[in-house]
Amino acid sequence: MSKAQAPCQGDTTAQNHAGQAADDTPKDPVIRVEEKDIPCPRRYSSILECLEDADVEVDYHCRDGFCGACRVTLCQGQVAYPQGEPLAFVGEGEILTCCSLPVTDITLELN
């Protein structure tokens, strides 16, 4: 998992904001970006896919974590890389949207 350090304001060590619904099913994590709150249902294979469906423009190229074109700043929350850590360089407080999924509610800053 990756978590942000200090590039954005807010709680950068957020734990599980995803919570659970009243019927004990896990609540979908929410992505906050460009003043929008976008639910990220478990059917998505990446944050990039979810953002595209919500008409949020994010740069990308390879969709596999090799090029780093989809790099954004993670201001709050935690993500996971289900296929393993990406090969592209990922700086402190950054994530690659093409190969990560939110573990908790997250806040992103597009670079």
PDB file of N, CA and C in Angstrom:
ATOM      1  N   MET A   1       0.836  -1.173   0.000  1.00  0.00           N
ATOM      2  CA  MET A   1       0.000   0.000   0.000  1.00  0.00           C
ATOM      3  C   MET A   1       0.880   1.235   0.000  1.00  0.00           C
ATOM      4  N   SER A   2       0.354   2.296  -0.549  1.00  0.00           N
ATOM      5  CA  SER A   2       1.060   3.560  -0.538  1.00  0.00           C
ATOM      6  C   SER A   2       0.241   4.573   0.214  1.00  0.00           C
ATOM      7  N   LYS A   3       0.925   5.512   0.845  1.00  0.00           N
ATOM      8  CA  LYS A   3       0.195   6.588   1.488  1.00  0.00           C
ATOM      9  C   LYS A   3       0.981   7.872   1.343  1.00  0.00           C
ATOM     10  N   ALA A   4       0.269   8.966   1.314  1.00  0.00           N
ATOM     11  CA  ALA A   4       0.890  10.260   1.092  1.00  0.00           C
ATOM     12  C   ALA A   4       1.646  10.715   2.322  1.00  0.00           C
ATOM     13  N   GLN A   5       2.589  11.630   2.123  1.00  0.00           N
ATOM     14  CA  GLN A   5       3.288  12.217   3.248  1.00  0.00           C
ATOM     15  C   GLN A   5       2.803  13.634   3.485  1.00  0.00           C
ATOM     16  N   ALA A   6       3.275  14.638   2.752  1.00  0.00           N
ATOM     17  CA  ALA A   6       2.867  15.986   3.096  1.00  0.00           C
ATOM     18  C   ALA A   6       2.583  16.912   1.924  1.00  0.00           C
ATOM     19  N   PRO A   7       2.438  16.450   0.672  1.00  0.00           N
ATOM     20  CA  PRO A   7       2.256  17.396  -0.413  1.00  0.00           C
ATOM     21  C   PRO A   7       0.922  18.131  -0.374  1.00  0.00           C
ATOM     22  N   CYS A   8      -0.075  17.593   0.260  1.00  0.00           N
ATOM     23  CA  CYS A   8      -1.395  18.213   0.339  1.00  0.00           C
ATOM     24  C   CYS A   8      -1.763  18.384   1.800  1.00  0.00           C
ATOM     25  N   GLN A   9      -2.747  19.207   2.038  1.00  0.00           N
ATOM     26  CA  GLN A   9      -3.206  19.387   3.401  1.00  0.00           C
ATOM     27  C   GLN A   9      -4.178  18.286   3.756  1.00  0.00           C
ATOM     28  N   GLY A  10      -4.289  17.980   5.021  1.00  0.00           N
ATOM     29  CA  GLY A  10      -5.254  16.981   5.473  1.00  0.00           C
ATOM     30  C   GLY A  10      -4.579  15.789   6.102  1.00  0.00           C
ATOM     31  N   ASP A  11      -5.377  14.847   6.524  1.00  0.00           N
ATOM     32  CA  ASP A  11      -4.907  13.640   7.183  1.00  0.00           C
ATOM     33  C   ASP A  11      -4.308  12.707   6.153  1.00  0.00           C
ATOM     34  N   THR A  12      -2.993  12.519   6.204  1.00  0.00           N
ATOM     35  CA  THR A  12      -2.335  11.671   5.221  1.00  0.00           C
ATOM     36  C   THR A  12      -2.140  10.246   5.718  1.00  0.00           C
ATOM     37  N   THR A  13      -2.646   9.947   6.898  1.00  0.00           N
ATOM     38  CA  THR A  13      -2.543   8.587   7.410  1.00  0.00           C
ATOM     39  C   THR A  13      -3.934   8.011   7.616  1.00  0.00           C
ATOM     40  N   ALA A  14      -4.847   8.381   6.757  1.00  0.00           N
ATOM     41  CA  ALA A  14      -6.236   7.947   6.889  1.00  0.00           C
ATOM     42  C   ALA A  14      -6.317   6.429   6.938  1.00  0.00           C
ATOM     43  N   GLN A  15      -7.104   5.957   7.841  1.00  0.00           N
ATOM     44  CA  GLN A  15      -7.342   4.529   7.907  1.00  0.00           C
ATOM     45  C   GLN A  15      -8.625   4.215   7.147  1.00  0.00           C
ATOM     46  N   ASN A  16      -9.449   3.358   7.636  1.00  0.00           N
ATOM     47  CA  ASN A  16     -10.582   2.904   6.856  1.00  0.00           C
ATOM     48  C   ASN A  16     -11.771   3.850   6.938  1.00  0.00           C
ATOM     49  N   HIS A  17     -11.834   4.793   5.997  1.00  0.00           N
ATOM     50  CA  HIS A  17     -13.002   5.661   5.871  1.00  0.00           C
ATOM     51  C   HIS A  17     -14.075   4.949   5.053  1.00  0.00           C
ATOM     52  N   ALA A  18     -13.709   3.868   4.379  1.00  0.00           N
ATOM     53  CA  ALA A  18     -14.660   3.174   3.520  1.00  0.00           C
ATOM     54  C   ALA A  18     -15.821   2.637   4.342  1.00  0.00           C
ATOM     55  N   GLY A  19     -15.535   2.163   5.555  1.00  0.00           N
ATOM     56  CA  GLY A  19     -16.603   1.741   6.465  1.00  0.00           C
ATOM     57  C   GLY A  19     -17.456   0.624   5.922  1.00  0.00           C
ATOM     58  N   GLN A  20     -18.628   0.491   6.511  1.00  0.00           N
ATOM     59  CA  GLN A  20     -19.555  -0.534   6.086  1.00  0.00           C
ATOM     60  C   GLN A  20     -20.951   0.049   6.070  1.00  0.00           C
ATOM     61  N   ALA A  21     -21.747  -0.441   5.145  1.00  0.00           N
ATOM     62  CA  ALA A  21     -23.143  -0.028   5.062  1.00  0.00           C
ATOM     63  C   ALA A  21     -23.926  -0.697   6.178  1.00  0.00           C
ATOM     64  N   ALA A  22     -25.173  -0.273   6.363  1.00  0.00           N
ATOM     65  CA  ALA A  22     -26.013  -0.810   7.440  1.00  0.00           C
ATOM     66  C   ALA A  22     -26.211  -2.317   7.321  1.00  0.00           C
ATOM     67  N   ASP A  23     -26.158  -2.859   6.107  1.00  0.00           N
ATOM     68  CA  ASP A  23     -26.377  -4.294   5.925  1.00  0.00           C
ATOM     69  C   ASP A  23     -25.064  -5.090   5.954  1.00  0.00           C
ATOM     70  N   ASP A  24     -23.985  -4.504   6.489  1.00  0.00           N
ATOM     71  CA  ASP A  24     -22.666  -5.138   6.644  1.00  0.00           C
ATOM     72  C   ASP A  24     -21.913  -5.356   5.342  1.00  0.00           C
ATOM     73  N   THR A  25     -22.393  -4.816   4.220  1.00  0.00           N
ATOM     74  CA  THR A  25     -21.611  -4.888   2.996  1.00  0.00           C
ATOM     75  C   THR A  25     -20.642  -3.719   2.996  1.00  0.00           C
ATOM     76  N   PRO A  26     -19.411  -3.936   2.551  1.00  0.00           N
ATOM     77  CA  PRO A  26     -18.438  -2.839   2.543  1.00  0.00           C
ATOM     78  C   PRO A  26     -18.922  -1.689   1.662  1.00  0.00           C
ATOM     79  N   LYS A  27     -18.735  -0.477   2.157  1.00  0.00           N
ATOM     80  CA  LYS A  27     -19.088   0.714   1.398  1.00  0.00           C
ATOM     81  C   LYS A  27     -18.003   0.935   0.344  1.00  0.00           C
ATOM     82  N   ASP A  28     -18.411   1.364  -0.846  1.00  0.00           N
ATOM     83  CA  ASP A  28     -17.438   1.659  -1.891  1.00  0.00           C
ATOM     84  C   ASP A  28     -16.594   2.856  -1.485  1.00  0.00           C
ATOM     85  N   PRO A  29     -15.280   2.776  -1.684  1.00  0.00           N
ATOM     86  CA  PRO A  29     -14.435   3.934  -1.399  1.00  0.00           C
ATOM     87  C   PRO A  29     -14.834   5.112  -2.295  1.00  0.00           C
ATOM     88  N   VAL A  30     -14.576   6.311  -1.826  1.00  0.00           N
ATOM     89  CA  VAL A  30     -14.883   7.519  -2.579  1.00  0.00           C
ATOM     90  C   VAL A  30     -13.571   8.202  -2.953  1.00  0.00           C
ATOM     91  N   ILE A  31     -13.495   8.661  -4.208  1.00  0.00           N
ATOM     92  CA  ILE A  31     -12.341   9.410  -4.691  1.00  0.00           C
ATOM     93  C   ILE A  31     -12.748  10.876  -4.749  1.00  0.00           C
ATOM     94  N   ARG A  32     -12.024  11.709  -4.031  1.00  0.00           N
ATOM     95  CA  ARG A  32     -12.281  13.160  -4.081  1.00  0.00           C
ATOM     96  C   ARG A  32     -11.209  13.781  -4.964  1.00  0.00           C
ATOM     97  N   VAL A  33     -11.663  14.406  -6.044  1.00  0.00           N
ATOM     98  CA  VAL A  33     -10.749  15.040  -6.991  1.00  0.00           C
ATOM     99  C   VAL A  33     -11.484  16.184  -7.670  1.00  0.00           C
ATOM    100  N   GLU A  34     -10.802  17.288  -7.847  1.00  0.00           N
ATOM    101  CA  GLU A  34     -11.393  18.464  -8.497  1.00  0.00           C
ATOM    102  C   GLU A  34     -12.749  18.830  -7.892  1.00  0.00           C
ATOM    103  N   GLU A  35     -12.827  18.788  -6.572  1.00  0.00           N
ATOM    104  CA  GLU A  35     -14.042  19.125  -5.821  1.00  0.00           C
ATOM    105  C   GLU A  35     -15.230  18.223  -6.149  1.00  0.00           C
ATOM    106  N   LYS A  36     -14.957  17.025  -6.664  1.00  0.00           N
ATOM    107  CA  LYS A  36     -15.993  16.022  -6.927  1.00  0.00           C
ATOM    108  C   LYS A  36     -15.761  14.839  -6.004  1.00  0.00           C
ATOM    109  N   ASP A  37     -16.833  14.230  -5.549  1.00  0.00           N
ATOM    110  CA  ASP A  37     -16.766  12.973  -4.796  1.00  0.00           C
ATOM    111  C   ASP A  37     -17.275  11.872  -5.708  1.00  0.00           C
ATOM    112  N   ILE A  38     -16.395  10.956  -6.064  1.00  0.00           N
ATOM    113  CA  ILE A  38     -16.709   9.912  -7.041  1.00  0.00           C
ATOM    114  C   ILE A  38     -16.637   8.551  -6.356  1.00  0.00           C
ATOM    115  N   PRO A  39     -17.778   7.848  -6.237  1.00  0.00           N
ATOM    116  CA  PRO A  39     -17.723   6.491  -5.681  1.00  0.00           C
ATOM    117  C   PRO A  39     -16.907   5.594  -6.609  1.00  0.00           C
ATOM    118  N   CYS A  40     -16.150   4.685  -6.016  1.00  0.00           N
ATOM    119  CA  CYS A  40     -15.332   3.756  -6.809  1.00  0.00           C
ATOM    120  C   CYS A  40     -15.749   2.326  -6.487  1.00  0.00           C
ATOM    121  N   PRO A  41     -16.820   1.845  -7.145  1.00  0.00           N
ATOM    122  CA  PRO A  41     -17.285   0.482  -6.895  1.00  0.00           C
ATOM    123  C   PRO A  41     -16.203  -0.552  -7.194  1.00  0.00           C
ATOM    124  N   ARG A  42     -16.283  -1.671  -6.547  1.00  0.00           N
ATOM    125  CA  ARG A  42     -15.283  -2.739  -6.659  1.00  0.00           C
ATOM    126  C   ARG A  42     -15.180  -3.320  -8.066  1.00  0.00           C
ATOM    127  N   ARG A  43     -16.111  -3.000  -8.948  1.00  0.00           N
ATOM    128  CA  ARG A  43     -16.063  -3.548 -10.312  1.00  0.00           C
ATOM    129  C   ARG A  43     -14.934  -2.936 -11.148  1.00  0.00           C
ATOM    130  N   TYR A  44     -14.422  -1.779 -10.732  1.00  0.00           N
ATOM    131  CA  TYR A  44     -13.347  -1.140 -11.486  1.00  0.00           C
ATOM    132  C   TYR A  44     -12.026  -1.844 -11.237  1.00  0.00           C
ATOM    133  N   SER A  45     -11.212  -1.917 -12.290  1.00  0.00           N
ATOM    134  CA  SER A  45      -9.908  -2.563 -12.159  1.00  0.00           C
ATOM    135  C   SER A  45      -8.815  -1.574 -11.758  1.00  0.00           C
ATOM    136  N   SER A  46      -9.132  -0.257 -11.810  1.00  0.00           N
ATOM    137  CA  SER A  46      -8.146   0.754 -11.418  1.00  0.00           C
ATOM    138  C   SER A  46      -8.839   2.077 -11.108  1.00  0.00           C
ATOM    139  N   ILE A  47      -8.116   2.936 -10.439  1.00  0.00           N
ATOM    140  CA  ILE A  47      -8.604   4.288 -10.175  1.00  0.00           C
ATOM    141  C   ILE A  47      -8.783   5.026 -11.496  1.00  0.00           C
ATOM    142  N   LEU A  48      -7.861   4.828 -12.428  1.00  0.00           N
ATOM    143  CA  LEU A  48      -7.948   5.479 -13.737  1.00  0.00           C
ATOM    144  C   LEU A  48      -9.268   5.154 -14.429  1.00  0.00           C
ATOM    145  N   GLU A  49      -9.648   3.903 -14.435  1.00  0.00           N
ATOM    146  CA  GLU A  49     -10.900   3.476 -15.069  1.00  0.00           C
ATOM    147  C   GLU A  49     -12.101   4.174 -14.423  1.00  0.00           C
ATOM    148  N   CYS A  50     -12.106   4.262 -13.117  1.00  0.00           N
ATOM    149  CA  CYS A  50     -13.185   4.927 -12.388  1.00  0.00           C
ATOM    150  C   CYS A  50     -13.241   6.414 -12.736  1.00  0.00           C
ATOM    151  N   LEU A  51     -12.089   7.070 -12.755  1.00  0.00           N
ATOM    152  CA  LEU A  51     -12.046   8.495 -13.084  1.00  0.00           C
ATOM    153  C   LEU A  51     -12.501   8.754 -14.520  1.00  0.00           C
ATOM    154  N   GLU A  52     -12.104   7.899 -15.430  1.00  0.00           N
ATOM    155  CA  GLU A  52     -12.539   8.054 -16.826  1.00  0.00           C
ATOM    156  C   GLU A  52     -14.058   7.968 -16.937  1.00  0.00           C
ATOM    157  N   ASP A  53     -14.663   7.016 -16.247  1.00  0.00           N
ATOM    158  CA  ASP A  53     -16.122   6.877 -16.274  1.00  0.00           C
ATOM    159  C   ASP A  53     -16.822   8.095 -15.683  1.00  0.00           C
ATOM    160  N   ALA A  54     -16.128   8.819 -14.802  1.00  0.00           N
ATOM    161  CA  ALA A  54     -16.694  10.023 -14.175  1.00  0.00           C
ATOM    162  C   ALA A  54     -16.308  11.291 -14.952  1.00  0.00           C
ATOM    163  N   ASP A  55     -15.740  11.118 -16.142  1.00  0.00           N
ATOM    164  CA  ASP A  55     -15.337  12.240 -17.002  1.00  0.00           C
ATOM    165  C   ASP A  55     -14.286  13.144 -16.371  1.00  0.00           C
ATOM    166  N   VAL A  56     -13.384  12.542 -15.595  1.00  0.00           N
ATOM    167  CA  VAL A  56     -12.243  13.278 -15.049  1.00  0.00           C
ATOM    168  C   VAL A  56     -11.053  12.940 -15.939  1.00  0.00           C
ATOM    169  N   GLU A  57     -10.448  13.952 -16.516  1.00  0.00           N
ATOM    170  CA  GLU A  57      -9.346  13.738 -17.444  1.00  0.00           C
ATOM    171  C   GLU A  57      -8.034  13.523 -16.695  1.00  0.00           C
ATOM    172  N   VAL A  58      -7.446  12.356 -16.901  1.00  0.00           N
ATOM    173  CA  VAL A  58      -6.162  12.000 -16.300  1.00  0.00           C
ATOM    174  C   VAL A  58      -5.264  11.507 -17.423  1.00  0.00           C
ATOM    175  N   ASP A  59      -4.035  11.988 -17.462  1.00  0.00           N
ATOM    176  CA  ASP A  59      -3.083  11.509 -18.462  1.00  0.00           C
ATOM    177  C   ASP A  59      -2.779  10.037 -18.212  1.00  0.00           C
ATOM    178  N   TYR A  60      -2.527   9.316 -19.285  1.00  0.00           N
ATOM    179  CA  TYR A  60      -2.104   7.917 -19.173  1.00  0.00           C
ATOM    180  C   TYR A  60      -1.468   7.510 -20.488  1.00  0.00           C
ATOM    181  N   HIS A  61      -0.791   6.384 -20.476  1.00  0.00           N
ATOM    182  CA  HIS A  61      -0.235   5.852 -21.708  1.00  0.00           C
ATOM    183  C   HIS A  61      -0.306   4.325 -21.702  1.00  0.00           C
ATOM    184  N   CYS A  62       0.445   3.686 -20.833  1.00  0.00           N
ATOM    185  CA  CYS A  62       0.574   2.223 -20.910  1.00  0.00           C
ATOM    186  C   CYS A  62      -0.518   1.442 -20.188  1.00  0.00           C
ATOM    187  N   ARG A  63      -1.100   2.001 -19.127  1.00  0.00           N
ATOM    188  CA  ARG A  63      -2.114   1.350 -18.293  1.00  0.00           C
ATOM    189  C   ARG A  63      -1.587   0.138 -17.520  1.00  0.00           C
ATOM    190  N   ASP A  64      -0.276   0.019 -17.402  1.00  0.00           N
ATOM    191  CA  ASP A  64       0.314  -1.123 -16.704  1.00  0.00           C
ATOM    192  C   ASP A  64       1.337  -0.745 -15.639  1.00  0.00           C
ATOM    193  N   GLY A  65       1.527   0.537 -15.363  1.00  0.00           N
ATOM    194  CA  GLY A  65       2.494   0.940 -14.349  1.00  0.00           C
ATOM    195  C   GLY A  65       3.920   1.014 -14.835  1.00  0.00           C
ATOM    196  N   PHE A  66       4.129   0.997 -16.162  1.00  0.00           N
ATOM    197  CA  PHE A  66       5.487   1.044 -16.703  1.00  0.00           C
ATOM    198  C   PHE A  66       5.960   2.465 -16.989  1.00  0.00           C
ATOM    199  N   CYS A  67       5.057   3.337 -17.472  1.00  0.00           N
ATOM    200  CA  CYS A  67       5.508   4.642 -17.978  1.00  0.00           C
ATOM    201  C   CYS A  67       5.397   5.771 -16.965  1.00  0.00           C
ATOM    202  N   GLY A  68       4.462   5.709 -16.049  1.00  0.00           N
ATOM    203  CA  GLY A  68       4.302   6.755 -15.043  1.00  0.00           C
ATOM    204  C   GLY A  68       3.507   7.962 -15.503  1.00  0.00           C
ATOM    205  N   ALA A  69       2.938   7.927 -16.691  1.00  0.00           N
ATOM    206  CA  ALA A  69       2.189   9.085 -17.209  1.00  0.00           C
ATOM    207  C   ALA A  69       0.958   9.409 -16.371  1.00  0.00           C
ATOM    208  N   CYS A  70       0.395   8.442 -15.676  1.00  0.00           N
ATOM    209  CA  CYS A  70      -0.841   8.653 -14.907  1.00  0.00           C
ATOM    210  C   CYS A  70      -0.573   9.045 -13.459  1.00  0.00           C
ATOM    211  N   ARG A  71       0.655   9.442 -13.145  1.00  0.00           N
ATOM    212  CA  ARG A  71       1.067   9.800 -11.787  1.00  0.00           C
ATOM    213  C   ARG A  71       0.260  10.992 -11.283  1.00  0.00           C
ATOM    214  N   VAL A  72      -0.293  10.876 -10.072  1.00  0.00           N
ATOM    215  CA  VAL A  72      -1.004  11.958  -9.395  1.00  0.00           C
ATOM    216  C   VAL A  72      -0.552  11.992  -7.941  1.00  0.00           C
ATOM    217  N   THR A  73      -0.922  13.059  -7.247  1.00  0.00           N
ATOM    218  CA  THR A  73      -0.577  13.192  -5.839  1.00  0.00           C
ATOM    219  C   THR A  73      -1.707  12.639  -4.980  1.00  0.00           C
ATOM    220  N   LEU A  74      -1.361  11.758  -4.067  1.00  0.00           N
ATOM    221  CA  LEU A  74      -2.308  11.216  -3.093  1.00  0.00           C
ATOM    222  C   LEU A  74      -2.248  12.106  -1.857  1.00  0.00           C
ATOM    223  N   CYS A  75      -3.296  12.882  -1.645  1.00  0.00           N
ATOM    224  CA  CYS A  75      -3.326  13.826  -0.521  1.00  0.00           C
ATOM    225  C   CYS A  75      -3.809  13.179   0.764  1.00  0.00           C
ATOM    226  N   GLN A  76      -4.712  12.216   0.617  1.00  0.00           N
ATOM    227  CA  GLN A  76      -5.296  11.592   1.802  1.00  0.00           C
ATOM    228  C   GLN A  76      -5.760  10.192   1.438  1.00  0.00           C
ATOM    229  N   GLY A  77      -5.633   9.280   2.374  1.00  0.00           N
ATOM    230  CA  GLY A  77      -6.132   7.924   2.197  1.00  0.00           C
ATOM    231  C   GLY A  77      -5.043   6.945   1.794  1.00  0.00           C
ATOM    232  N   GLN A  78      -5.484   5.742   1.458  1.00  0.00           N
ATOM    233  CA  GLN A  78      -4.559   4.660   1.113  1.00  0.00           C
ATOM    234  C   GLN A  78      -5.026   3.957  -0.138  1.00  0.00           C
ATOM    235  N   VAL A  79      -4.051   3.511  -0.933  1.00  0.00           N
ATOM    236  CA  VAL A  79      -4.335   2.723  -2.126  1.00  0.00           C
ATOM    237  C   VAL A  79      -3.528   1.437  -2.077  1.00  0.00           C
ATOM    238  N   ALA A  80      -3.927   0.493  -2.911  1.00  0.00           N
ATOM    239  CA  ALA A  80      -3.192  -0.765  -3.060  1.00  0.00           C
ATOM    240  C   ALA A  80      -2.887  -0.964  -4.535  1.00  0.00           C
ATOM    241  N   TYR A  81      -1.828  -1.707  -4.790  1.00  0.00           N
ATOM    242  CA  TYR A  81      -1.467  -2.110  -6.145  1.00  0.00           C
ATOM    243  C   TYR A  81      -1.720  -3.617  -6.244  1.00  0.00           C
ATOM    244  N   PRO A  82      -2.921  -4.011  -6.698  1.00  0.00           N
ATOM    245  CA  PRO A  82      -3.287  -5.431  -6.705  1.00  0.00           C
ATOM    246  C   PRO A  82      -2.353  -6.334  -7.513  1.00  0.00           C
ATOM    247  N   GLN A  83      -1.722  -5.797  -8.559  1.00  0.00           N
ATOM    248  CA  GLN A  83      -0.821  -6.597  -9.391  1.00  0.00           C
ATOM    249  C   GLN A  83       0.636  -6.460  -8.950  1.00  0.00           C
ATOM    250  N   GLY A  84       0.864  -5.837  -7.812  1.00  0.00           N
ATOM    251  CA  GLY A  84       2.222  -5.615  -7.319  1.00  0.00           C
ATOM    252  C   GLY A  84       2.663  -4.183  -7.570  1.00  0.00           C
ATOM    253  N   GLU A  85       3.741  -3.782  -6.925  1.00  0.00           N
ATOM    254  CA  GLU A  85       4.252  -2.417  -7.064  1.00  0.00           C
ATOM    255  C   GLU A  85       4.587  -2.127  -8.533  1.00  0.00           C
ATOM    256  N   PRO A  86       4.278  -0.912  -9.008  1.00  0.00           N
ATOM    257  CA  PRO A  86       4.552  -0.557 -10.402  1.00  0.00           C
ATOM    258  C   PRO A  86       6.046  -0.444 -10.664  1.00  0.00           C
ATOM    259  N   LEU A  87       6.431  -0.601 -11.936  1.00  0.00           N
ATOM    260  CA  LEU A  87       7.832  -0.480 -12.319  1.00  0.00           C
ATOM    261  C   LEU A  87       8.249   0.972 -12.504  1.00  0.00           C
ATOM    262  N   ALA A  88       7.311   1.851 -12.848  1.00  0.00           N
ATOM    263  CA  ALA A  88       7.616   3.273 -13.023  1.00  0.00           C
ATOM    264  C   ALA A  88       7.966   3.891 -11.682  1.00  0.00           C
ATOM    265  N   PHE A  89       8.763   4.937 -11.722  1.00  0.00           N
ATOM    266  CA  PHE A  89       9.121   5.654 -10.500  1.00  0.00           C
ATOM    267  C   PHE A  89       7.874   6.293  -9.915  1.00  0.00           C
ATOM    268  N   VAL A  90       7.676   6.098  -8.608  1.00  0.00           N
ATOM    269  CA  VAL A  90       6.577   6.725  -7.878  1.00  0.00           C
ATOM    270  C   VAL A  90       7.193   7.423  -6.676  1.00  0.00           C
ATOM    271  N   GLY A  91       7.116   8.755  -6.680  1.00  0.00           N
ATOM    272  CA  GLY A  91       7.699   9.539  -5.602  1.00  0.00           C
ATOM    273  C   GLY A  91       6.861   9.480  -4.340  1.00  0.00           C
ATOM    274  N   GLU A  92       7.415   9.997  -3.274  1.00  0.00           N
ATOM    275  CA  GLU A  92       6.716  10.061  -1.992  1.00  0.00           C
ATOM    276  C   GLU A  92       5.429  10.858  -2.163  1.00  0.00           C
ATOM    277  N   GLY A  93       4.308  10.283  -1.736  1.00  0.00           N
ATOM    278  CA  GLY A  93       3.023  10.966  -1.833  1.00  0.00           C
ATOM    279  C   GLY A  93       2.379  10.883  -3.204  1.00  0.00           C
ATOM    280  N   GLU A  94       2.921  10.070  -4.096  1.00  0.00           N
ATOM    281  CA  GLU A  94       2.357   9.913  -5.437  1.00  0.00           C
ATOM    282  C   GLU A  94       1.834   8.494  -5.627  1.00  0.00           C
ATOM    283  N   ILE A  95       0.889   8.355  -6.565  1.00  0.00           N
ATOM    284  CA  ILE A  95       0.400   7.036  -6.958  1.00  0.00           C
ATOM    285  C   ILE A  95       0.244   7.010  -8.471  1.00  0.00           C
ATOM    286  N   LEU A  96       0.165   5.819  -9.024  1.00  0.00           N
ATOM    287  CA  LEU A  96      -0.166   5.637 -10.430  1.00  0.00           C
ATOM    288  C   LEU A  96      -1.615   5.169 -10.497  1.00  0.00           C
ATOM    289  N   THR A  97      -2.459   5.945 -11.155  1.00  0.00           N
ATOM    290  CA  THR A  97      -3.887   5.624 -11.187  1.00  0.00           C
ATOM    291  C   THR A  97      -4.204   4.411 -12.045  1.00  0.00           C
ATOM    292  N   CYS A  98      -3.321   4.055 -12.988  1.00  0.00           N
ATOM    293  CA  CYS A  98      -3.620   2.968 -13.926  1.00  0.00           C
ATOM    294  C   CYS A  98      -3.571   1.590 -13.278  1.00  0.00           C
ATOM    295  N   CYS A  99      -2.880   1.475 -12.144  1.00  0.00           N
ATOM    296  CA  CYS A  99      -2.689   0.149 -11.563  1.00  0.00           C
ATOM    297  C   CYS A  99      -2.958   0.117 -10.066  1.00  0.00           C
ATOM    298  N   SER A 100      -3.654   1.124  -9.557  1.00  0.00           N
ATOM    299  CA  SER A 100      -3.965   1.155  -8.126  1.00  0.00           C
ATOM    300  C   SER A 100      -5.468   1.204  -7.910  1.00  0.00           C
ATOM    301  N   LEU A 101      -5.855   0.797  -6.715  1.00  0.00           N
ATOM    302  CA  LEU A 101      -7.254   0.850  -6.280  1.00  0.00           C
ATOM    303  C   LEU A 101      -7.308   1.451  -4.883  1.00  0.00           C
ATOM    304  N   PRO A 102      -8.366   2.215  -4.588  1.00  0.00           N
ATOM    305  CA  PRO A 102      -8.465   2.786  -3.243  1.00  0.00           C
ATOM    306  C   PRO A 102      -8.791   1.724  -2.204  1.00  0.00           C
ATOM    307  N   VAL A 103      -8.119   1.785  -1.079  1.00  0.00           N
ATOM    308  CA  VAL A 103      -8.406   0.922   0.064  1.00  0.00           C
ATOM    309  C   VAL A 103      -9.360   1.661   1.002  1.00  0.00           C
ATOM    310  N   THR A 104      -9.160   2.975   1.092  1.00  0.00           N
ATOM    311  CA  THR A 104     -10.004   3.857   1.900  1.00  0.00           C
ATOM    312  C   THR A 104     -10.513   4.963   0.982  1.00  0.00           C
ATOM    313  N   ASP A 105     -11.324   5.856   1.493  1.00  0.00           N
ATOM    314  CA  ASP A 105     -11.642   7.067   0.746  1.00  0.00           C
ATOM    315  C   ASP A 105     -10.329   7.795   0.505  1.00  0.00           C
ATOM    316  N   ILE A 106     -10.170   8.369  -0.691  1.00  0.00           N
ATOM    317  CA  ILE A 106      -8.914   9.054  -1.022  1.00  0.00           C
ATOM    318  C   ILE A 106      -9.196  10.435  -1.585  1.00  0.00           C
ATOM    319  N   THR A 107      -8.205  11.301  -1.457  1.00  0.00           N
ATOM    320  CA  THR A 107      -8.232  12.614  -2.084  1.00  0.00           C
ATOM    321  C   THR A 107      -7.022  12.717  -2.981  1.00  0.00           C
ATOM    322  N   LEU A 108      -7.256  13.094  -4.252  1.00  0.00           N
ATOM    323  CA  LEU A 108      -6.193  13.183  -5.235  1.00  0.00           C
ATOM    324  C   LEU A 108      -6.033  14.611  -5.714  1.00  0.00           C
ATOM    325  N   GLU A 109      -4.816  14.938  -6.090  1.00  0.00           N
ATOM    326  CA  GLU A 109      -4.518  16.200  -6.761  1.00  0.00           C
ATOM    327  C   GLU A 109      -3.899  15.844  -8.100  1.00  0.00           C
ATOM    328  N   LEU A 110      -4.561  16.266  -9.181  1.00  0.00           N
ATOM    329  CA  LEU A 110      -4.034  15.991 -10.509  1.00  0.00           C
ATOM    330  C   LEU A 110      -2.862  16.911 -10.778  1.00  0.00           C
ATOM    331  N   ASN A 111      -1.802  16.349 -11.312  1.00  0.00           N
ATOM    332  CA  ASN A 111      -0.584  17.126 -11.550  1.00  0.00           C
ATOM    333  C   ASN A 111      -0.584  17.731 -12.928  1.00  0.00           C
TER     334      ASN A 111
END
